[in-house]
Amino acid sequence: MANGTVLWLSLDEFGQELRSLCCDLAPTETAQDVLVATPPGPGSVVVVAASWEPARELAAVSDAAIANDFALVPVVVNPIHVRVGPIVAGAAARCCYHCFAAMEQKRNASNKIGTYLQAVRSYPDNSVLRRIAGHTAAHVCLSAGILEVGVSDPVGHDAVAWYSSHDGADLRMSRFEGVDGCRRCGVAMDDRTTFEGTSWI
């Protein structure tokens, strides 16, 4: 269990349902805007949940997490999969959301599914076209099960993202690294280090 409070940034109905199901993970509060309000302290966790990729919000909360030493755990349902992570474990995080987004863009550029997802993400944040047609109770339950692992030990799962098929039949875990050119995480890297490794669980 996380040492501090778990705060939620639930950006749509999926996020609200996930928060309701997970309310027993730890004491929870709702963070409408963790950047405007007093930032959470070290040991706290902010869960950002949506049925679309809220890139602007995740980038902002990632920056705040590193600056104020709290953990970020994104939960996203998109047309391809359910994703929990990558976790940004505060000031010592090995990878920020900007690095993850850059790696995803590079990977997506090489396949047709990725091209489709990039097109969807190009719509304005408030566009219904950015959201999937709907989510099911299975999406919420699946996300909650994976999320409990991440929230229980965000430092131990720093830079980890879990990807699951919509039916939960396939679940994989990847650990990401900072990318060259990131103003915070940038290191000398080559094409081999898009992620540290993948294991099936």
C-alpha atoms as a PDB file:
ATOM      1  CA  MET A   1       0.000   0.000   0.000  1.00  0.00           C
ATOM      2  CA  ALA A   2       1.194   3.506  -0.725  1.00  0.00           C
ATOM      3  CA  ASN A   3       2.499   5.355   2.318  1.00  0.00           C
ATOM      4  CA  GLY A   4       0.473   8.479   1.598  1.00  0.00           C
ATOM      5  CA  THR A   5      -2.954   9.429   0.354  1.00  0.00           C
ATOM      6  CA  VAL A   6      -4.238   8.210  -3.005  1.00  0.00           C
ATOM      7  CA  LEU A   7      -5.750  11.085  -4.958  1.00  0.00           C
ATOM      8  CA  TRP A   8      -7.837  10.645  -8.101  1.00  0.00           C
ATOM      9  CA  LEU A   9      -8.071  12.681 -11.269  1.00  0.00           C
ATOM     10  CA  SER A  10     -11.049  10.907 -12.850  1.00  0.00           C
ATOM     11  CA  LEU A  11     -11.541  12.533 -16.226  1.00  0.00           C
ATOM     12  CA  ASP A  12     -14.685  10.744 -17.381  1.00  0.00           C
ATOM     13  CA  GLU A  13     -17.254   8.112 -16.429  1.00  0.00           C
ATOM     14  CA  PHE A  14     -14.718   5.296 -16.665  1.00  0.00           C
ATOM     15  CA  GLY A  15     -12.428   7.086 -14.218  1.00  0.00           C
ATOM     16  CA  GLN A  16     -15.286   7.706 -11.807  1.00  0.00           C
ATOM     17  CA  GLU A  17     -16.379   4.063 -11.867  1.00  0.00           C
ATOM     18  CA  LEU A  18     -12.798   2.898 -11.344  1.00  0.00           C
ATOM     19  CA  ARG A  19     -12.402   5.211  -8.359  1.00  0.00           C
ATOM     20  CA  SER A  20     -15.612   3.886  -6.819  1.00  0.00           C
ATOM     21  CA  LEU A  21     -14.419   0.294  -7.173  1.00  0.00           C
ATOM     22  CA  CYS A  22     -10.948   1.059  -5.792  1.00  0.00           C
ATOM     23  CA  CYS A  23     -12.022   3.202  -2.850  1.00  0.00           C
ATOM     24  CA  ASP A  24     -10.753   0.554  -0.409  1.00  0.00           C
ATOM     25  CA  LEU A  25      -7.186   0.591  -1.785  1.00  0.00           C
ATOM     26  CA  ALA A  26      -6.233   3.487   0.494  1.00  0.00           C
ATOM     27  CA  PRO A  27      -7.729   6.716   1.860  1.00  0.00           C
ATOM     28  CA  THR A  28      -8.783   8.640  -1.237  1.00  0.00           C
ATOM     29  CA  GLU A  29      -9.455  12.210  -2.158  1.00  0.00           C
ATOM     30  CA  THR A  30     -10.553  13.748  -5.434  1.00  0.00           C
ATOM     31  CA  ALA A  31      -7.985  16.022  -7.063  1.00  0.00           C
ATOM     32  CA  GLN A  32      -9.764  18.175  -9.630  1.00  0.00           C
ATOM     33  CA  ASP A  33      -6.472  19.854 -10.379  1.00  0.00           C
ATOM     34  CA  VAL A  34      -3.400  18.777  -8.410  1.00  0.00           C
ATOM     35  CA  LEU A  35      -1.439  21.656  -9.912  1.00  0.00           C
ATOM     36  CA  VAL A  36      -3.768  24.415  -8.722  1.00  0.00           C
ATOM     37  CA  ALA A  37      -4.384  22.886  -5.309  1.00  0.00           C
ATOM     38  CA  THR A  38      -1.594  22.254  -2.812  1.00  0.00           C
ATOM     39  CA  PRO A  39       0.520  19.507  -4.400  1.00  0.00           C
ATOM     40  CA  PRO A  40       0.454  16.105  -2.678  1.00  0.00           C
ATOM     41  CA  GLY A  41       3.393  15.358  -0.435  1.00  0.00           C
ATOM     42  CA  PRO A  42       6.066  12.660  -0.757  1.00  0.00           C
ATOM     43  CA  GLY A  43       4.628   9.157  -0.535  1.00  0.00           C
ATOM     44  CA  SER A  44       1.286  10.189  -2.019  1.00  0.00           C
ATOM     45  CA  VAL A  45      -0.087   8.751  -5.247  1.00  0.00           C
ATOM     46  CA  VAL A  46      -2.150  10.496  -7.923  1.00  0.00           C
ATOM     47  CA  VAL A  47      -4.171   8.173 -10.178  1.00  0.00           C
ATOM     48  CA  VAL A  48      -5.216   9.730 -13.495  1.00  0.00           C
ATOM     49  CA  ALA A  49      -7.943   7.619 -15.127  1.00  0.00           C
ATOM     50  CA  ALA A  50      -9.695   8.080 -18.477  1.00  0.00           C
ATOM     51  CA  SER A  51     -11.090   6.127 -21.427  1.00  0.00           C
ATOM     52  CA  TRP A  52      -8.787   8.089 -23.754  1.00  0.00           C
ATOM     53  CA  GLU A  53      -5.174   9.310 -23.678  1.00  0.00           C
ATOM     54  CA  PRO A  54      -5.218  12.559 -21.652  1.00  0.00           C
ATOM     55  CA  ALA A  55      -1.733  13.550 -22.798  1.00  0.00           C
ATOM     56  CA  ARG A  56      -1.890  17.153 -21.630  1.00  0.00           C
ATOM     57  CA  GLU A  57      -3.041  16.236 -18.134  1.00  0.00           C
ATOM     58  CA  LEU A  58      -0.589  13.342 -17.801  1.00  0.00           C
ATOM     59  CA  ALA A  59       2.349  15.476 -18.907  1.00  0.00           C
ATOM     60  CA  ALA A  60       1.433  18.189 -16.402  1.00  0.00           C
ATOM     61  CA  VAL A  61       0.892  15.789 -13.500  1.00  0.00           C
ATOM     62  CA  SER A  62       4.128  13.965 -14.395  1.00  0.00           C
ATOM     63  CA  ASP A  63       6.044  17.248 -14.102  1.00  0.00           C
ATOM     64  CA  ALA A  64       4.334  18.014 -10.789  1.00  0.00           C
ATOM     65  CA  ALA A  65       5.061  14.502  -9.476  1.00  0.00           C
ATOM     66  CA  ILE A  66       8.777  14.882 -10.141  1.00  0.00           C
ATOM     67  CA  ALA A  67       8.886  18.425  -8.721  1.00  0.00           C
ATOM     68  CA  ASN A  68       6.962  17.540  -5.548  1.00  0.00           C
ATOM     69  CA  ASP A  69       8.038  13.906  -5.088  1.00  0.00           C
ATOM     70  CA  PHE A  70       4.700  12.135  -5.342  1.00  0.00           C
ATOM     71  CA  ALA A  71       3.845   9.214  -7.639  1.00  0.00           C
ATOM     72  CA  LEU A  72       1.728   9.285 -10.797  1.00  0.00           C
ATOM     73  CA  VAL A  73      -0.170   6.173 -11.910  1.00  0.00           C
ATOM     74  CA  PRO A  74      -2.041   6.634 -15.222  1.00  0.00           C
ATOM     75  CA  VAL A  75      -4.917   4.305 -16.174  1.00  0.00           C
ATOM     76  CA  VAL A  76      -6.053   4.486 -19.796  1.00  0.00           C
ATOM     77  CA  VAL A  77      -8.539   2.439 -21.822  1.00  0.00           C
ATOM     78  CA  ASN A  78      -8.186   2.903 -25.574  1.00  0.00           C
ATOM     79  CA  PRO A  79      -9.489   0.977 -28.602  1.00  0.00           C
ATOM     80  CA  ILE A  80      -6.471  -1.348 -28.540  1.00  0.00           C
ATOM     81  CA  HIS A  81      -5.801  -2.179 -24.890  1.00  0.00           C
ATOM     82  CA  VAL A  82      -6.051  -1.293 -21.222  1.00  0.00           C
ATOM     83  CA  ARG A  83      -2.896   0.377 -19.887  1.00  0.00           C
ATOM     84  CA  VAL A  84      -1.845   1.036 -16.309  1.00  0.00           C
ATOM     85  CA  GLY A  85       1.323   3.137 -16.162  1.00  0.00           C
ATOM     86  CA  PRO A  86       3.981   4.016 -16.824  1.00  0.00           C
ATOM     87  CA  ILE A  87       4.373   4.896 -13.176  1.00  0.00           C
ATOM     88  CA  VAL A  88       6.308   8.077 -12.439  1.00  0.00           C
ATOM     89  CA  ALA A  89       7.634   7.480  -8.928  1.00  0.00           C
ATOM     90  CA  GLY A  90       8.414  11.026  -7.869  1.00  0.00           C
ATOM     91  CA  ALA A  91      11.676  12.965  -7.816  1.00  0.00           C
ATOM     92  CA  ALA A  92      13.858   9.909  -8.468  1.00  0.00           C
ATOM     93  CA  ALA A  93      11.767   8.630 -11.401  1.00  0.00           C
ATOM     94  CA  ARG A  94      13.809   7.106 -14.210  1.00  0.00           C
ATOM     95  CA  CYS A  95      11.304   8.121 -16.884  1.00  0.00           C
ATOM     96  CA  CYS A  96       8.768  10.953 -17.167  1.00  0.00           C
ATOM     97  CA  TYR A  97       5.556  10.974 -19.209  1.00  0.00           C
ATOM     98  CA  HIS A  98       7.237  13.058 -21.937  1.00  0.00           C
ATOM     99  CA  CYS A  99       9.755  10.232 -22.487  1.00  0.00           C
ATOM    100  CA  PHE A 100       6.994   7.636 -22.620  1.00  0.00           C
ATOM    101  CA  ALA A 101       5.004   9.715 -25.137  1.00  0.00           C
ATOM    102  CA  ALA A 102       8.089  10.098 -27.342  1.00  0.00           C
ATOM    103  CA  MET A 103       8.734   6.345 -27.304  1.00  0.00           C
ATOM    104  CA  GLU A 104       5.085   5.580 -28.044  1.00  0.00           C
ATOM    105  CA  GLN A 105       5.116   7.996 -30.974  1.00  0.00           C
ATOM    106  CA  LYS A 106       8.230   6.369 -32.389  1.00  0.00           C
ATOM    107  CA  ARG A 107       6.787   2.874 -31.992  1.00  0.00           C
ATOM    108  CA  ASN A 108       3.383   3.845 -33.391  1.00  0.00           C
ATOM    109  CA  ALA A 109       4.956   5.409 -36.467  1.00  0.00           C
ATOM    110  CA  SER A 110       6.034   1.966 -37.609  1.00  0.00           C
ATOM    111  CA  ASN A 111       2.623   0.261 -37.646  1.00  0.00           C
ATOM    112  CA  LYS A 112      -0.881   0.900 -38.945  1.00  0.00           C
ATOM    113  CA  ILE A 113      -2.555   0.629 -35.542  1.00  0.00           C
ATOM    114  CA  GLY A 114      -0.230   3.278 -34.196  1.00  0.00           C
ATOM    115  CA  THR A 115      -1.067   5.550 -37.119  1.00  0.00           C
ATOM    116  CA  TYR A 116      -4.753   5.184 -36.276  1.00  0.00           C
ATOM    117  CA  LEU A 117      -4.171   5.983 -32.615  1.00  0.00           C
ATOM    118  CA  GLN A 118      -2.152   9.075 -33.489  1.00  0.00           C
ATOM    119  CA  ALA A 119      -5.022  10.257 -35.690  1.00  0.00           C
ATOM    120  CA  VAL A 120      -7.482   9.798 -32.837  1.00  0.00           C
ATOM    121  CA  ARG A 121      -5.215  11.715 -30.456  1.00  0.00           C
ATOM    122  CA  SER A 122      -4.983  14.620 -32.888  1.00  0.00           C
ATOM    123  CA  TYR A 123      -8.553  15.638 -32.116  1.00  0.00           C
ATOM    124  CA  PRO A 124      -9.105  18.339 -29.475  1.00  0.00           C
ATOM    125  CA  ASP A 125      -9.111  17.114 -25.870  1.00  0.00           C
ATOM    126  CA  ASN A 126     -12.846  17.750 -25.521  1.00  0.00           C
ATOM    127  CA  SER A 127     -13.804  15.898 -28.698  1.00  0.00           C
ATOM    128  CA  VAL A 128     -15.952  12.796 -28.312  1.00  0.00           C
ATOM    129  CA  LEU A 129     -13.943  11.308 -31.185  1.00  0.00           C
ATOM    130  CA  ARG A 130     -10.975  10.941 -28.818  1.00  0.00           C
ATOM    131  CA  ARG A 131     -12.916   8.582 -26.589  1.00  0.00           C
ATOM    132  CA  ILE A 132     -13.793   4.972 -27.235  1.00  0.00           C
ATOM    133  CA  ALA A 133     -17.433   4.174 -27.913  1.00  0.00           C
ATOM    134  CA  GLY A 134     -17.854   2.909 -24.380  1.00  0.00           C
ATOM    135  CA  HIS A 135     -16.343   0.831 -21.619  1.00  0.00           C
ATOM    136  CA  THR A 136     -17.632  -2.228 -19.832  1.00  0.00           C
ATOM    137  CA  ALA A 137     -17.593  -3.413 -16.240  1.00  0.00           C
ATOM    138  CA  ALA A 138     -14.819  -5.801 -17.299  1.00  0.00           C
ATOM    139  CA  HIS A 139     -12.591  -2.859 -18.259  1.00  0.00           C
ATOM    140  CA  VAL A 140     -13.135  -1.314 -14.829  1.00  0.00           C
ATOM    141  CA  CYS A 141     -12.484  -4.552 -12.931  1.00  0.00           C
ATOM    142  CA  LEU A 142      -9.424  -5.410 -15.015  1.00  0.00           C
ATOM    143  CA  SER A 143      -7.962  -1.937 -14.486  1.00  0.00           C
ATOM    144  CA  ALA A 144      -8.624  -2.133 -10.757  1.00  0.00           C
ATOM    145  CA  GLY A 145      -6.796  -5.435 -10.427  1.00  0.00           C
ATOM    146  CA  ILE A 146      -3.681  -4.159 -12.194  1.00  0.00           C
ATOM    147  CA  LEU A 147      -3.879  -0.794 -10.462  1.00  0.00           C
ATOM    148  CA  GLU A 148      -3.765  -2.365  -7.013  1.00  0.00           C
ATOM    149  CA  VAL A 149      -0.308  -3.765  -7.821  1.00  0.00           C
ATOM    150  CA  GLY A 150       1.003  -0.385  -8.965  1.00  0.00           C
ATOM    151  CA  VAL A 151      -0.460   1.625  -6.101  1.00  0.00           C
ATOM    152  CA  SER A 152       0.845  -0.854  -3.523  1.00  0.00           C
ATOM    153  CA  ASP A 153       4.475  -0.166  -4.486  1.00  0.00           C
ATOM    154  CA  PRO A 154       4.909   2.737  -6.922  1.00  0.00           C
ATOM    155  CA  VAL A 155       8.632   3.078  -6.195  1.00  0.00           C
ATOM    156  CA  GLY A 156       9.264  -0.613  -6.875  1.00  0.00           C
ATOM    157  CA  HIS A 157       7.307  -0.304 -10.115  1.00  0.00           C
ATOM    158  CA  ASP A 158       8.851   2.971 -11.258  1.00  0.00           C
ATOM    159  CA  ALA A 159       8.665   3.400 -15.077  1.00  0.00           C
ATOM    160  CA  VAL A 160       6.588   0.202 -15.381  1.00  0.00           C
ATOM    161  CA  ALA A 161       3.510  -0.012 -17.595  1.00  0.00           C
ATOM    162  CA  TRP A 162       1.117  -2.954 -17.809  1.00  0.00           C
ATOM    163  CA  TYR A 163      -0.744  -3.599 -21.067  1.00  0.00           C
ATOM    164  CA  SER A 164      -3.758  -5.895 -21.222  1.00  0.00           C
ATOM    165  CA  SER A 165      -6.070  -6.985 -23.989  1.00  0.00           C
ATOM    166  CA  HIS A 166      -9.660  -5.940 -23.406  1.00  0.00           C
ATOM    167  CA  ASP A 167     -10.653  -9.417 -22.262  1.00  0.00           C
ATOM    168  CA  GLY A 168      -7.661  -9.744 -19.921  1.00  0.00           C
ATOM    169  CA  ALA A 169      -6.343 -12.796 -21.774  1.00  0.00           C
ATOM    170  CA  ASP A 170      -2.969 -11.198 -22.541  1.00  0.00           C
ATOM    171  CA  LEU A 171      -1.100  -9.128 -19.983  1.00  0.00           C
ATOM    172  CA  ARG A 172       2.426  -7.830 -20.444  1.00  0.00           C
ATOM    173  CA  MET A 173       4.682  -5.560 -18.462  1.00  0.00           C
ATOM    174  CA  SER A 174       7.293  -3.145 -19.824  1.00  0.00           C
ATOM    175  CA  ARG A 175       9.777  -0.928 -18.004  1.00  0.00           C
ATOM    176  CA  PHE A 176      10.664   2.287 -19.801  1.00  0.00           C
ATOM    177  CA  GLU A 177      13.760   4.493 -19.746  1.00  0.00           C
ATOM    178  CA  GLY A 178      14.387   8.192 -20.257  1.00  0.00           C
ATOM    179  CA  VAL A 179      14.989   9.246 -23.849  1.00  0.00           C
ATOM    180  CA  ASP A 180      17.716  11.308 -25.413  1.00  0.00           C
ATOM    181  CA  GLY A 181      16.583  14.898 -25.757  1.00  0.00           C
ATOM    182  CA  CYS A 182      14.276  14.982 -22.725  1.00  0.00           C
ATOM    183  CA  ARG A 183      15.134  18.108 -20.721  1.00  0.00           C
ATOM    184  CA  ARG A 184      14.785  16.153 -17.490  1.00  0.00           C
ATOM    185  CA  CYS A 185      15.609  12.499 -18.214  1.00  0.00           C
ATOM    186  CA  GLY A 186      17.775  12.785 -21.335  1.00  0.00           C
ATOM    187  CA  VAL A 187      20.665  10.372 -21.564  1.00  0.00           C
ATOM    188  CA  ALA A 188      22.788   9.050 -24.393  1.00  0.00           C
ATOM    189  CA  MET A 189      20.691   6.245 -25.840  1.00  0.00           C
ATOM    190  CA  ASP A 190      20.403   4.250 -29.030  1.00  0.00           C
ATOM    191  CA  ASP A 191      17.525   2.528 -30.776  1.00  0.00           C
ATOM    192  CA  ARG A 192      17.855  -0.549 -28.571  1.00  0.00           C
ATOM    193  CA  THR A 193      16.581   1.209 -25.460  1.00  0.00           C
ATOM    194  CA  THR A 194      12.952   1.888 -26.323  1.00  0.00           C
ATOM    195  CA  PHE A 195      12.176  -0.152 -23.230  1.00  0.00           C
ATOM    196  CA  GLU A 196      14.205  -2.244 -20.847  1.00  0.00           C
ATOM    197  CA  GLY A 197      12.365  -5.482 -21.387  1.00  0.00           C
ATOM    198  CA  THR A 198       9.037  -7.191 -21.608  1.00  0.00           C
ATOM    199  CA  SER A 199       7.792 -10.052 -19.503  1.00  0.00           C
ATOM    200  CA  TRP A 200       4.510 -11.912 -19.695  1.00  0.00           C
ATOM    201  CA  ILE A 201       2.644 -12.405 -16.428  1.00  0.00           C
END
